[in-house]
Amino acid sequence: MKLREIFLGRPIHWAIWAFIVAVMLWMNKAHFHVLHFNYFSLALLGLSAAGLVLFLVTSRADELITRDPFPENKHVEGTGSED
């Protein structure tokens, strides 16, 4: 089995995760989440938003991003509690 079949997505998508993990490890070592919680929360939100934007910008519409296909119909049946 090829690694491309196991790890879906482009290498830059996986590099995003490596960057986020590195920043989180650095902030943990500096006790950022205890000493400067507001900045830690802002950094976490910013990293998440930047990762999402970078993922959306670098992905093509026809590119396979999950193993399971998305449903084609726009109406997806719910649990019935949406009344």
C-alpha atoms as a PDB file:
ATOM      1  CA  MET A   1       0.000   0.000   0.000  1.00  0.00           C
ATOM      2  CA  LYS A   2       1.323   3.421  -0.945  1.00  0.00           C
ATOM      3  CA  LEU A   3       1.592   6.251   1.567  1.00  0.00           C
ATOM      4  CA  ARG A   4      -0.409   8.483  -0.773  1.00  0.00           C
ATOM      5  CA  GLU A   5      -3.352   6.110  -0.290  1.00  0.00           C
ATOM      6  CA  ILE A   6      -3.024   6.293   3.501  1.00  0.00           C
ATOM      7  CA  PHE A   7      -2.379  10.022   3.947  1.00  0.00           C
ATOM      8  CA  LEU A   8      -4.909  11.975   1.904  1.00  0.00           C
ATOM      9  CA  GLY A   9      -4.215  15.578   1.025  1.00  0.00           C
ATOM     10  CA  ARG A  10      -1.165  17.500   0.003  1.00  0.00           C
ATOM     11  CA  PRO A  11       2.062  17.583   2.018  1.00  0.00           C
ATOM     12  CA  ILE A  12       1.423  21.239   2.888  1.00  0.00           C
ATOM     13  CA  HIS A  13      -1.785  20.167   4.634  1.00  0.00           C
ATOM     14  CA  TRP A  14       0.246  17.882   6.871  1.00  0.00           C
ATOM     15  CA  ALA A  15       2.862  20.614   7.372  1.00  0.00           C
ATOM     16  CA  ILE A  16       0.117  22.848   8.788  1.00  0.00           C
ATOM     17  CA  TRP A  17      -0.447  20.290  11.547  1.00  0.00           C
ATOM     18  CA  ALA A  18       3.295  20.055  12.240  1.00  0.00           C
ATOM     19  CA  PHE A  19       3.505  23.852  12.549  1.00  0.00           C
ATOM     20  CA  ILE A  20       0.506  24.025  14.887  1.00  0.00           C
ATOM     21  CA  VAL A  21       1.944  21.251  17.073  1.00  0.00           C
ATOM     22  CA  ALA A  22       5.323  23.010  17.212  1.00  0.00           C
ATOM     23  CA  VAL A  23       3.719  26.306  18.276  1.00  0.00           C
ATOM     24  CA  MET A  24       1.588  24.549  20.899  1.00  0.00           C
ATOM     25  CA  LEU A  25       4.623  22.716  22.308  1.00  0.00           C
ATOM     26  CA  TRP A  26       6.538  25.991  22.507  1.00  0.00           C
ATOM     27  CA  MET A  27       3.637  27.728  24.272  1.00  0.00           C
ATOM     28  CA  ASN A  28       3.325  24.799  26.685  1.00  0.00           C
ATOM     29  CA  LYS A  29       7.037  24.966  27.535  1.00  0.00           C
ATOM     30  CA  ALA A  30       6.732  28.712  28.171  1.00  0.00           C
ATOM     31  CA  HIS A  31       3.607  28.113  30.330  1.00  0.00           C
ATOM     32  CA  PHE A  32       1.742  30.433  28.021  1.00  0.00           C
ATOM     33  CA  HIS A  33      -1.586  28.761  28.764  1.00  0.00           C
ATOM     34  CA  VAL A  34      -1.192  29.632  32.466  1.00  0.00           C
ATOM     35  CA  LEU A  35       0.586  32.980  32.470  1.00  0.00           C
ATOM     36  CA  HIS A  36      -1.027  34.624  29.431  1.00  0.00           C
ATOM     37  CA  PHE A  37      -4.278  32.763  28.860  1.00  0.00           C
ATOM     38  CA  ASN A  38      -5.880  35.487  26.739  1.00  0.00           C
ATOM     39  CA  TYR A  39      -2.952  35.519  24.313  1.00  0.00           C
ATOM     40  CA  PHE A  40      -2.891  31.713  24.305  1.00  0.00           C
ATOM     41  CA  SER A  41      -6.592  31.619  23.377  1.00  0.00           C
ATOM     42  CA  LEU A  42      -6.068  34.234  20.682  1.00  0.00           C
ATOM     43  CA  ALA A  43      -3.097  32.301  19.276  1.00  0.00           C
ATOM     44  CA  LEU A  44      -5.108  29.074  19.259  1.00  0.00           C
ATOM     45  CA  LEU A  45      -7.987  30.760  17.437  1.00  0.00           C
ATOM     46  CA  GLY A  46      -5.601  32.418  14.984  1.00  0.00           C
ATOM     47  CA  LEU A  47      -3.741  29.196  14.235  1.00  0.00           C
ATOM     48  CA  SER A  48      -7.001  27.358  13.670  1.00  0.00           C
ATOM     49  CA  ALA A  49      -8.363  30.051  11.358  1.00  0.00           C
ATOM     50  CA  ALA A  50      -5.087  30.341   9.431  1.00  0.00           C
ATOM     51  CA  GLY A  51      -4.901  26.563   9.033  1.00  0.00           C
ATOM     52  CA  LEU A  52      -8.449  26.415   7.727  1.00  0.00           C
ATOM     53  CA  VAL A  53      -7.887  29.262   5.269  1.00  0.00           C
ATOM     54  CA  LEU A  54      -4.623  27.745   4.037  1.00  0.00           C
ATOM     55  CA  PHE A  55      -6.337  24.372   3.618  1.00  0.00           C
ATOM     56  CA  LEU A  56      -9.205  25.898   1.636  1.00  0.00           C
ATOM     57  CA  VAL A  57      -6.891  28.005  -0.550  1.00  0.00           C
ATOM     58  CA  THR A  58      -4.583  25.098  -1.433  1.00  0.00           C
ATOM     59  CA  SER A  59      -7.329  22.515  -2.117  1.00  0.00           C
ATOM     60  CA  ARG A  60      -8.948  21.983  -5.502  1.00  0.00           C
ATOM     61  CA  ALA A  61     -12.677  21.363  -5.861  1.00  0.00           C
ATOM     62  CA  ASP A  62     -12.196  17.903  -7.409  1.00  0.00           C
ATOM     63  CA  GLU A  63      -9.506  16.774  -4.953  1.00  0.00           C
ATOM     64  CA  LEU A  64     -10.177  13.810  -2.662  1.00  0.00           C
ATOM     65  CA  ILE A  65     -10.038  14.987   0.965  1.00  0.00           C
ATOM     66  CA  THR A  66     -11.933  12.187   2.725  1.00  0.00           C
ATOM     67  CA  ARG A  67     -12.316   8.480   2.187  1.00  0.00           C
ATOM     68  CA  ASP A  68     -16.119   8.655   2.371  1.00  0.00           C
ATOM     69  CA  PRO A  69     -17.974  10.552  -0.357  1.00  0.00           C
ATOM     70  CA  PHE A  70     -20.128  13.531   0.513  1.00  0.00           C
ATOM     71  CA  PRO A  71     -23.841  13.131  -0.227  1.00  0.00           C
ATOM     72  CA  GLU A  72     -24.860  14.727  -3.501  1.00  0.00           C
ATOM     73  CA  ASN A  73     -28.295  15.917  -2.374  1.00  0.00           C
ATOM     74  CA  LYS A  74     -28.536  19.212  -0.540  1.00  0.00           C
ATOM     75  CA  HIS A  75     -31.187  18.007   1.913  1.00  0.00           C
ATOM     76  CA  VAL A  76     -29.779  15.633   4.498  1.00  0.00           C
ATOM     77  CA  GLU A  77     -32.317  13.980   6.762  1.00  0.00           C
ATOM     78  CA  GLY A  78     -31.862  14.908  10.408  1.00  0.00           C
ATOM     79  CA  THR A  79     -33.014  13.519  13.714  1.00  0.00           C
ATOM     80  CA  GLY A  80     -36.473  15.066  13.586  1.00  0.00           C
ATOM     81  CA  SER A  81     -35.802  17.594  16.328  1.00  0.00           C
ATOM     82  CA  GLU A  82     -35.351  20.495  13.886  1.00  0.00           C
ATOM     83  CA  ASP A  83     -39.070  21.414  13.881  1.00  0.00           C
END
